[in-house]
């Protein structure tokens, strides 16, 4: 993937803390620039761990949370509160701990209140369109990277990875349990100023290698998602073990990494 910024951390704990630090500064920067921050969350172990680290970040005590809006790029079509839903972990790790207005939290539809995943996908797209109008622009979209290099619920060789318009899709027969899911399309993910790819552990090494060496949404969906301003791979050393110095990547110094450049 061209124009990819890589941030490596020694351990999964340091990875979670590093993501949380950059997320805290991104929220503050967006609020300063535009008065609102739109954050798209992900699930998985590292996606939830970084929210737990964010909860403890010193900047969070002073963030005006009524200006922060939370979204999800994909969700398992399960009842509310199910431990396998991405939003369940987000509530436990972060959202229940700060005075965030309920209307600022936008969970994807659940299996209790929605008849079908197709209905749920349509409802979420309608909700996003109503919130943004024609100018959909999330500040950052966090995406956990799967062992097969999937992101959100866009799996290799699934028809969903080739959809060329922004929208929200129903996924059936997911290769990972549960089989029914709702997901952003790649073009909707790319309506984000920044896209962050999160990878932890040696099982993700092949997927991380594909991110930095190819750009093929069918074979490796994670290798072909981009933020409109910046695309960042956050990985611990176990996940990044196959990255070579001559791969097409950028390793910015801390000053660049912590720069406060917002449109």
C-alpha atoms as a PDB file:
ATOM      1  CA  UNK A   1       0.000   0.000   0.000  1.00  0.00           C
ATOM      2  CA  UNK A   2       1.446   3.355  -1.008  1.00  0.00           C
ATOM      3  CA  UNK A   3       1.424   6.421   1.249  1.00  0.00           C
ATOM      4  CA  UNK A   4       1.152   4.246   4.335  1.00  0.00           C
ATOM      5  CA  UNK A   5       2.485   5.476   7.663  1.00  0.00           C
ATOM      6  CA  UNK A   6       3.679   2.692   9.965  1.00  0.00           C
ATOM      7  CA  UNK A   7       3.848   2.957  13.737  1.00  0.00           C
ATOM      8  CA  UNK A   8       5.483   0.008  15.513  1.00  0.00           C
ATOM      9  CA  UNK A   9       5.315  -0.696  19.234  1.00  0.00           C
ATOM     10  CA  UNK A  10       7.213  -3.240  21.289  1.00  0.00           C
ATOM     11  CA  UNK A  11       4.229  -4.935  22.911  1.00  0.00           C
ATOM     12  CA  UNK A  12       0.447  -5.139  22.615  1.00  0.00           C
ATOM     13  CA  UNK A  13       0.083  -3.027  25.767  1.00  0.00           C
ATOM     14  CA  UNK A  14       2.282  -0.288  24.321  1.00  0.00           C
ATOM     15  CA  UNK A  15       0.374  -0.573  21.053  1.00  0.00           C
ATOM     16  CA  UNK A  16      -2.952   0.027  22.808  1.00  0.00           C
ATOM     17  CA  UNK A  17      -1.497   3.004  24.683  1.00  0.00           C
ATOM     18  CA  UNK A  18      -0.004   4.466  21.506  1.00  0.00           C
ATOM     19  CA  UNK A  19      -3.295   4.230  19.625  1.00  0.00           C
ATOM     20  CA  UNK A  20      -5.110   5.764  22.580  1.00  0.00           C
ATOM     21  CA  UNK A  21      -2.666   8.668  22.744  1.00  0.00           C
ATOM     22  CA  UNK A  22      -3.077   9.493  19.077  1.00  0.00           C
ATOM     23  CA  UNK A  23      -6.865   9.077  19.324  1.00  0.00           C
ATOM     24  CA  UNK A  24      -7.074  11.482  22.264  1.00  0.00           C
ATOM     25  CA  UNK A  25      -5.123  14.107  20.322  1.00  0.00           C
ATOM     26  CA  UNK A  26      -7.215  13.493  17.200  1.00  0.00           C
ATOM     27  CA  UNK A  27     -10.440  14.063  19.135  1.00  0.00           C
ATOM     28  CA  UNK A  28      -9.102  17.271  20.667  1.00  0.00           C
ATOM     29  CA  UNK A  29      -7.841  18.463  17.289  1.00  0.00           C
ATOM     30  CA  UNK A  30     -11.149  17.783  15.556  1.00  0.00           C
ATOM     31  CA  UNK A  31     -13.113  19.541  18.307  1.00  0.00           C
ATOM     32  CA  UNK A  32     -10.819  22.553  18.075  1.00  0.00           C
ATOM     33  CA  UNK A  33     -11.057  22.709  14.277  1.00  0.00           C
ATOM     34  CA  UNK A  34     -14.721  21.892  13.718  1.00  0.00           C
ATOM     35  CA  UNK A  35     -16.483  21.665  17.064  1.00  0.00           C
ATOM     36  CA  UNK A  36     -17.300  17.994  16.554  1.00  0.00           C
ATOM     37  CA  UNK A  37     -15.338  14.755  16.322  1.00  0.00           C
ATOM     38  CA  UNK A  38     -16.731  11.750  14.435  1.00  0.00           C
ATOM     39  CA  UNK A  39     -14.962   8.558  15.517  1.00  0.00           C
ATOM     40  CA  UNK A  40     -15.608   5.160  13.918  1.00  0.00           C
ATOM     41  CA  UNK A  41     -14.818   2.339  16.329  1.00  0.00           C
ATOM     42  CA  UNK A  42     -13.844  -1.259  15.771  1.00  0.00           C
ATOM     43  CA  UNK A  43     -13.978  -4.404  17.879  1.00  0.00           C
ATOM     44  CA  UNK A  44     -11.500  -7.146  18.624  1.00  0.00           C
ATOM     45  CA  UNK A  45      -8.945  -7.419  21.379  1.00  0.00           C
ATOM     46  CA  UNK A  46      -6.722  -4.509  20.412  1.00  0.00           C
ATOM     47  CA  UNK A  47      -9.643  -2.314  19.310  1.00  0.00           C
ATOM     48  CA  UNK A  48     -11.222  -2.669  22.732  1.00  0.00           C
ATOM     49  CA  UNK A  49      -7.903  -2.441  24.604  1.00  0.00           C
ATOM     50  CA  UNK A  50      -7.093   0.922  23.047  1.00  0.00           C
ATOM     51  CA  UNK A  51     -10.444   2.262  24.305  1.00  0.00           C
ATOM     52  CA  UNK A  52      -9.574   1.092  27.792  1.00  0.00           C
ATOM     53  CA  UNK A  53      -6.255   2.920  27.493  1.00  0.00           C
ATOM     54  CA  UNK A  54      -8.057   5.997  26.160  1.00  0.00           C
ATOM     55  CA  UNK A  55     -10.277   6.007  29.256  1.00  0.00           C
ATOM     56  CA  UNK A  56      -7.169   6.570  31.385  1.00  0.00           C
ATOM     57  CA  UNK A  57      -5.584   9.180  29.124  1.00  0.00           C
ATOM     58  CA  UNK A  58      -5.028  12.542  30.880  1.00  0.00           C
ATOM     59  CA  UNK A  59      -6.611  14.517  28.040  1.00  0.00           C
ATOM     60  CA  UNK A  60      -9.941  12.741  28.430  1.00  0.00           C
ATOM     61  CA  UNK A  61     -10.869  14.431  31.688  1.00  0.00           C
ATOM     62  CA  UNK A  62     -11.171  17.759  29.858  1.00  0.00           C
ATOM     63  CA  UNK A  63     -12.733  16.617  26.590  1.00  0.00           C
ATOM     64  CA  UNK A  64     -16.235  18.080  26.028  1.00  0.00           C
ATOM     65  CA  UNK A  65     -17.844  14.730  25.277  1.00  0.00           C
ATOM     66  CA  UNK A  66     -21.062  16.267  24.035  1.00  0.00           C
ATOM     67  CA  UNK A  67     -19.117  17.128  20.872  1.00  0.00           C
ATOM     68  CA  UNK A  68     -17.882  13.584  20.185  1.00  0.00           C
ATOM     69  CA  UNK A  69     -19.915  11.219  18.000  1.00  0.00           C
ATOM     70  CA  UNK A  70     -19.203   7.473  17.960  1.00  0.00           C
ATOM     71  CA  UNK A  71     -19.964   5.139  15.055  1.00  0.00           C
ATOM     72  CA  UNK A  72     -19.078   1.559  14.094  1.00  0.00           C
ATOM     73  CA  UNK A  73     -17.762   0.320  10.751  1.00  0.00           C
ATOM     74  CA  UNK A  74     -19.194  -3.156  11.282  1.00  0.00           C
ATOM     75  CA  UNK A  75     -21.148  -5.187  13.783  1.00  0.00           C
ATOM     76  CA  UNK A  76     -22.189  -8.738  14.493  1.00  0.00           C
ATOM     77  CA  UNK A  77     -25.966  -9.072  14.088  1.00  0.00           C
ATOM     78  CA  UNK A  78     -26.652 -10.213  17.641  1.00  0.00           C
ATOM     79  CA  UNK A  79     -28.848  -9.026  20.526  1.00  0.00           C
ATOM     80  CA  UNK A  80     -27.896  -5.866  22.408  1.00  0.00           C
ATOM     81  CA  UNK A  81     -25.357  -6.596  25.131  1.00  0.00           C
ATOM     82  CA  UNK A  82     -24.123  -9.827  23.583  1.00  0.00           C
ATOM     83  CA  UNK A  83     -20.431 -10.163  24.484  1.00  0.00           C
ATOM     84  CA  UNK A  84     -19.547 -10.798  20.837  1.00  0.00           C
ATOM     85  CA  UNK A  85     -20.928  -7.457  19.659  1.00  0.00           C
ATOM     86  CA  UNK A  86     -18.283  -4.809  19.037  1.00  0.00           C
ATOM     87  CA  UNK A  87     -20.273  -2.141  20.838  1.00  0.00           C
ATOM     88  CA  UNK A  88     -20.520  -4.206  24.027  1.00  0.00           C
ATOM     89  CA  UNK A  89     -16.779  -3.986  24.579  1.00  0.00           C
ATOM     90  CA  UNK A  90     -16.744  -0.286  23.674  1.00  0.00           C
ATOM     91  CA  UNK A  91     -19.372   0.533  26.288  1.00  0.00           C
ATOM     92  CA  UNK A  92     -17.496  -1.420  28.951  1.00  0.00           C
ATOM     93  CA  UNK A  93     -14.059  -0.033  28.082  1.00  0.00           C
ATOM     94  CA  UNK A  94     -14.913   3.634  27.474  1.00  0.00           C
ATOM     95  CA  UNK A  95     -18.418   4.818  26.687  1.00  0.00           C
ATOM     96  CA  UNK A  96     -19.951   4.031  30.087  1.00  0.00           C
ATOM     97  CA  UNK A  97     -17.224   5.970  31.876  1.00  0.00           C
ATOM     98  CA  UNK A  98     -17.745   9.498  30.519  1.00  0.00           C
ATOM     99  CA  UNK A  99     -20.813  11.768  30.209  1.00  0.00           C
ATOM    100  CA  UNK A 100     -21.389  11.071  26.519  1.00  0.00           C
ATOM    101  CA  UNK A 101     -24.961  11.936  25.462  1.00  0.00           C
ATOM    102  CA  UNK A 102     -26.877   8.855  24.347  1.00  0.00           C
ATOM    103  CA  UNK A 103     -27.708  10.516  21.037  1.00  0.00           C
ATOM    104  CA  UNK A 104     -23.975  10.811  20.285  1.00  0.00           C
ATOM    105  CA  UNK A 105     -23.516   7.033  20.326  1.00  0.00           C
ATOM    106  CA  UNK A 106     -24.637   5.342  17.119  1.00  0.00           C
ATOM    107  CA  UNK A 107     -24.594   1.552  17.508  1.00  0.00           C
ATOM    108  CA  UNK A 108     -25.505  -0.548  14.522  1.00  0.00           C
ATOM    109  CA  UNK A 109     -28.920  -2.263  14.617  1.00  0.00           C
ATOM    110  CA  UNK A 110     -29.245  -5.390  16.707  1.00  0.00           C
ATOM    111  CA  UNK A 111     -31.052  -8.705  16.335  1.00  0.00           C
ATOM    112  CA  UNK A 112     -33.622  -7.754  18.998  1.00  0.00           C
ATOM    113  CA  UNK A 113     -35.112  -4.742  17.230  1.00  0.00           C
ATOM    114  CA  UNK A 114     -34.478  -5.392  13.530  1.00  0.00           C
ATOM    115  CA  UNK A 115     -36.121  -8.101  11.457  1.00  0.00           C
ATOM    116  CA  UNK A 116     -33.284  -8.798   9.017  1.00  0.00           C
ATOM    117  CA  UNK A 117     -29.674  -7.770   8.519  1.00  0.00           C
ATOM    118  CA  UNK A 118     -30.687  -6.198   5.213  1.00  0.00           C
ATOM    119  CA  UNK A 119     -33.151  -3.986   7.073  1.00  0.00           C
ATOM    120  CA  UNK A 120     -30.497  -3.159   9.651  1.00  0.00           C
ATOM    121  CA  UNK A 121     -27.955  -2.196   6.996  1.00  0.00           C
ATOM    122  CA  UNK A 122     -30.473   0.051   5.261  1.00  0.00           C
ATOM    123  CA  UNK A 123     -31.428   1.704   8.547  1.00  0.00           C
ATOM    124  CA  UNK A 124     -27.812   2.485   9.440  1.00  0.00           C
ATOM    125  CA  UNK A 125     -27.075   3.973   6.029  1.00  0.00           C
ATOM    126  CA  UNK A 126     -30.188   6.141   6.348  1.00  0.00           C
ATOM    127  CA  UNK A 127     -29.001   7.242   9.790  1.00  0.00           C
ATOM    128  CA  UNK A 128     -25.530   8.182   8.511  1.00  0.00           C
ATOM    129  CA  UNK A 129     -26.971  10.024   5.523  1.00  0.00           C
ATOM    130  CA  UNK A 130     -29.325  12.005   7.755  1.00  0.00           C
ATOM    131  CA  UNK A 131     -26.502  12.927  10.127  1.00  0.00           C
ATOM    132  CA  UNK A 132     -24.063  14.115   7.455  1.00  0.00           C
ATOM    133  CA  UNK A 133     -26.046  14.844   4.327  1.00  0.00           C
ATOM    134  CA  UNK A 134     -23.928  14.628   1.178  1.00  0.00           C
ATOM    135  CA  UNK A 135     -20.683  15.515   2.961  1.00  0.00           C
ATOM    136  CA  UNK A 136     -19.946  12.376   4.972  1.00  0.00           C
ATOM    137  CA  UNK A 137     -16.611  12.911   6.720  1.00  0.00           C
ATOM    138  CA  UNK A 138     -15.527  10.880   9.720  1.00  0.00           C
ATOM    139  CA  UNK A 139     -12.402  12.108  11.500  1.00  0.00           C
ATOM    140  CA  UNK A 140     -10.881   8.677  12.009  1.00  0.00           C
ATOM    141  CA  UNK A 141     -11.945   5.115  11.292  1.00  0.00           C
ATOM    142  CA  UNK A 142     -10.294   2.420  13.387  1.00  0.00           C
ATOM    143  CA  UNK A 143     -10.100  -0.983  11.683  1.00  0.00           C
ATOM    144  CA  UNK A 144      -8.878  -4.180  13.264  1.00  0.00           C
ATOM    145  CA  UNK A 145      -6.937  -6.324  10.790  1.00  0.00           C
ATOM    146  CA  UNK A 146      -7.945  -9.981  10.605  1.00  0.00           C
ATOM    147  CA  UNK A 147      -5.548 -12.875  10.095  1.00  0.00           C
ATOM    148  CA  UNK A 148      -6.895 -13.149   6.534  1.00  0.00           C
ATOM    149  CA  UNK A 149      -6.373  -9.384   6.037  1.00  0.00           C
ATOM    150  CA  UNK A 150     -10.070  -8.572   6.287  1.00  0.00           C
ATOM    151  CA  UNK A 151     -11.221  -5.256   7.740  1.00  0.00           C
ATOM    152  CA  UNK A 152     -14.673  -4.428   9.104  1.00  0.00           C
ATOM    153  CA  UNK A 153     -16.703  -7.362   7.690  1.00  0.00           C
ATOM    154  CA  UNK A 154     -15.120  -7.142   4.246  1.00  0.00           C
ATOM    155  CA  UNK A 155     -13.625 -10.594   3.715  1.00  0.00           C
ATOM    156  CA  UNK A 156     -11.271 -11.701   0.928  1.00  0.00           C
ATOM    157  CA  UNK A 157     -13.047 -12.732  -2.280  1.00  0.00           C
ATOM    158  CA  UNK A 158     -16.492 -11.681  -0.976  1.00  0.00           C
ATOM    159  CA  UNK A 159     -18.535  -9.661  -3.448  1.00  0.00           C
ATOM    160  CA  UNK A 160     -18.850  -6.931  -0.811  1.00  0.00           C
ATOM    161  CA  UNK A 161     -15.186  -5.935  -1.233  1.00  0.00           C
ATOM    162  CA  UNK A 162     -15.798  -4.786  -4.818  1.00  0.00           C
ATOM    163  CA  UNK A 163     -18.731  -2.466  -4.072  1.00  0.00           C
ATOM    164  CA  UNK A 164     -17.745   0.911  -5.491  1.00  0.00           C
ATOM    165  CA  UNK A 165     -20.171   3.270  -3.736  1.00  0.00           C
ATOM    166  CA  UNK A 166     -20.465   4.433  -0.128  1.00  0.00           C
ATOM    167  CA  UNK A 167     -23.039   2.466   1.807  1.00  0.00           C
ATOM    168  CA  UNK A 168     -23.773  -0.134   4.468  1.00  0.00           C
ATOM    169  CA  UNK A 169     -24.127  -3.806   3.553  1.00  0.00           C
ATOM    170  CA  UNK A 170     -25.620  -6.957   4.998  1.00  0.00           C
ATOM    171  CA  UNK A 171     -23.153  -9.848   5.163  1.00  0.00           C
ATOM    172  CA  UNK A 172     -24.326 -13.452   5.291  1.00  0.00           C
ATOM    173  CA  UNK A 173     -22.168 -16.566   5.619  1.00  0.00           C
ATOM    174  CA  UNK A 174     -19.215 -14.747   7.128  1.00  0.00           C
ATOM    175  CA  UNK A 175     -16.191 -17.053   7.383  1.00  0.00           C
ATOM    176  CA  UNK A 176     -15.881 -15.888  10.975  1.00  0.00           C
ATOM    177  CA  UNK A 177     -18.623 -16.480  13.512  1.00  0.00           C
ATOM    178  CA  UNK A 178     -21.277 -15.163  13.739  1.00  0.00           C
ATOM    179  CA  UNK A 179     -22.267 -15.508  10.089  1.00  0.00           C
ATOM    180  CA  UNK A 180     -24.610 -12.501   9.934  1.00  0.00           C
ATOM    181  CA  UNK A 181     -23.038  -9.036  10.067  1.00  0.00           C
ATOM    182  CA  UNK A 182     -23.476  -5.431   8.975  1.00  0.00           C
ATOM    183  CA  UNK A 183     -20.556  -3.513   7.463  1.00  0.00           C
ATOM    184  CA  UNK A 184     -19.441  -0.284   5.835  1.00  0.00           C
ATOM    185  CA  UNK A 185     -18.385  -0.572   2.213  1.00  0.00           C
ATOM    186  CA  UNK A 186     -14.796   0.354   1.414  1.00  0.00           C
ATOM    187  CA  UNK A 187     -15.832   3.693  -0.164  1.00  0.00           C
ATOM    188  CA  UNK A 188     -17.709   4.603   3.029  1.00  0.00           C
ATOM    189  CA  UNK A 189     -14.687   3.719   5.167  1.00  0.00           C
ATOM    190  CA  UNK A 190     -12.706   6.042   2.926  1.00  0.00           C
ATOM    191  CA  UNK A 191     -14.979   8.954   3.789  1.00  0.00           C
ATOM    192  CA  UNK A 192     -12.672   9.239   6.811  1.00  0.00           C
ATOM    193  CA  UNK A 193      -9.907  11.799   7.113  1.00  0.00           C
ATOM    194  CA  UNK A 194      -7.755   9.123   8.686  1.00  0.00           C
ATOM    195  CA  UNK A 195      -7.963   5.339   8.458  1.00  0.00           C
ATOM    196  CA  UNK A 196      -6.040   3.434  11.125  1.00  0.00           C
ATOM    197  CA  UNK A 197      -5.265  -0.267  10.697  1.00  0.00           C
ATOM    198  CA  UNK A 198      -4.650  -2.067  13.998  1.00  0.00           C
ATOM    199  CA  UNK A 199      -2.719  -5.338  14.214  1.00  0.00           C
ATOM    200  CA  UNK A 200      -1.362  -7.230  17.208  1.00  0.00           C
ATOM    201  CA  UNK A 201       0.280 -10.627  17.505  1.00  0.00           C
ATOM    202  CA  UNK A 202       2.263 -12.973  15.278  1.00  0.00           C
ATOM    203  CA  UNK A 203      -0.924 -14.433  13.784  1.00  0.00           C
ATOM    204  CA  UNK A 204      -1.387 -11.101  11.971  1.00  0.00           C
ATOM    205  CA  UNK A 205       2.120 -11.071  10.466  1.00  0.00           C
ATOM    206  CA  UNK A 206       1.076 -12.318   7.033  1.00  0.00           C
ATOM    207  CA  UNK A 207      -1.806  -9.840   6.913  1.00  0.00           C
ATOM    208  CA  UNK A 208       0.483  -6.954   7.856  1.00  0.00           C
ATOM    209  CA  UNK A 209       2.954  -8.031   5.193  1.00  0.00           C
ATOM    210  CA  UNK A 210       0.179  -7.932   2.600  1.00  0.00           C
ATOM    211  CA  UNK A 211      -0.797  -4.409   3.689  1.00  0.00           C
ATOM    212  CA  UNK A 212       2.667  -3.039   2.980  1.00  0.00           C
ATOM    213  CA  UNK A 213       3.424  -5.044  -0.179  1.00  0.00           C
ATOM    214  CA  UNK A 214       0.209  -5.032  -2.227  1.00  0.00           C
ATOM    215  CA  UNK A 215      -2.963  -3.125  -2.981  1.00  0.00           C
ATOM    216  CA  UNK A 216      -5.679  -5.666  -3.740  1.00  0.00           C
ATOM    217  CA  UNK A 217      -9.047  -5.425  -2.031  1.00  0.00           C
ATOM    218  CA  UNK A 218     -10.104  -8.885  -3.264  1.00  0.00           C
ATOM    219  CA  UNK A 219      -7.096 -10.804  -1.949  1.00  0.00           C
ATOM    220  CA  UNK A 220      -6.355  -8.605   1.078  1.00  0.00           C
ATOM    221  CA  UNK A 221      -9.033  -5.986   1.792  1.00  0.00           C
ATOM    222  CA  UNK A 222      -6.820  -4.298   4.412  1.00  0.00           C
ATOM    223  CA  UNK A 223      -4.257  -3.517   1.714  1.00  0.00           C
ATOM    224  CA  UNK A 224      -6.571  -1.199  -0.199  1.00  0.00           C
ATOM    225  CA  UNK A 225      -8.345   1.054   2.294  1.00  0.00           C
ATOM    226  CA  UNK A 226      -7.225   4.654   2.585  1.00  0.00           C
ATOM    227  CA  UNK A 227      -8.027   7.736   4.588  1.00  0.00           C
ATOM    228  CA  UNK A 228      -8.635  10.901   2.602  1.00  0.00           C
ATOM    229  CA  UNK A 229      -5.746  12.562   4.456  1.00  0.00           C
ATOM    230  CA  UNK A 230      -3.769   9.792   6.123  1.00  0.00           C
ATOM    231  CA  UNK A 231      -3.566   6.014   6.406  1.00  0.00           C
ATOM    232  CA  UNK A 232      -1.728   4.576   9.406  1.00  0.00           C
ATOM    233  CA  UNK A 233      -0.790   1.027  10.317  1.00  0.00           C
ATOM    234  CA  UNK A 234      -0.394   0.545  14.076  1.00  0.00           C
ATOM    235  CA  UNK A 235       1.303  -2.776  14.855  1.00  0.00           C
ATOM    236  CA  UNK A 236       3.261  -4.421  17.617  1.00  0.00           C
ATOM    237  CA  UNK A 237       6.564  -6.062  16.786  1.00  0.00           C
ATOM    238  CA  UNK A 238       5.060  -9.554  16.574  1.00  0.00           C
ATOM    239  CA  UNK A 239       2.584  -8.416  13.929  1.00  0.00           C
ATOM    240  CA  UNK A 240       5.208  -6.398  12.057  1.00  0.00           C
ATOM    241  CA  UNK A 241       7.885  -9.080  12.007  1.00  0.00           C
ATOM    242  CA  UNK A 242       7.689  -9.524   8.204  1.00  0.00           C
ATOM    243  CA  UNK A 243       7.984  -5.831   7.337  1.00  0.00           C
ATOM    244  CA  UNK A 244      11.311  -5.121   5.636  1.00  0.00           C
ATOM    245  CA  UNK A 245      13.086  -1.738   5.620  1.00  0.00           C
ATOM    246  CA  UNK A 246      12.704  -1.499   1.832  1.00  0.00           C
ATOM    247  CA  UNK A 247       8.934  -1.972   1.882  1.00  0.00           C
ATOM    248  CA  UNK A 248       6.936   0.991   0.590  1.00  0.00           C
ATOM    249  CA  UNK A 249       6.219   2.550   3.973  1.00  0.00           C
ATOM    250  CA  UNK A 250       6.940   5.701   5.954  1.00  0.00           C
ATOM    251  CA  UNK A 251       8.241   5.752   9.516  1.00  0.00           C
ATOM    252  CA  UNK A 252       7.695   9.309  10.757  1.00  0.00           C
ATOM    253  CA  UNK A 253       9.500  10.632  13.782  1.00  0.00           C
ATOM    254  CA  UNK A 254       7.570  11.564  16.902  1.00  0.00           C
ATOM    255  CA  UNK A 255       7.257  15.222  15.935  1.00  0.00           C
ATOM    256  CA  UNK A 256       5.510  14.300  12.709  1.00  0.00           C
ATOM    257  CA  UNK A 257       3.462  11.591  14.363  1.00  0.00           C
ATOM    258  CA  UNK A 258       2.192  13.981  17.020  1.00  0.00           C
ATOM    259  CA  UNK A 259       1.644  16.897  14.655  1.00  0.00           C
ATOM    260  CA  UNK A 260      -1.622  18.753  14.984  1.00  0.00           C
ATOM    261  CA  UNK A 261      -2.635  19.142  11.365  1.00  0.00           C
ATOM    262  CA  UNK A 262      -6.394  19.149  10.848  1.00  0.00           C
ATOM    263  CA  UNK A 263      -8.432  20.423   7.965  1.00  0.00           C
END
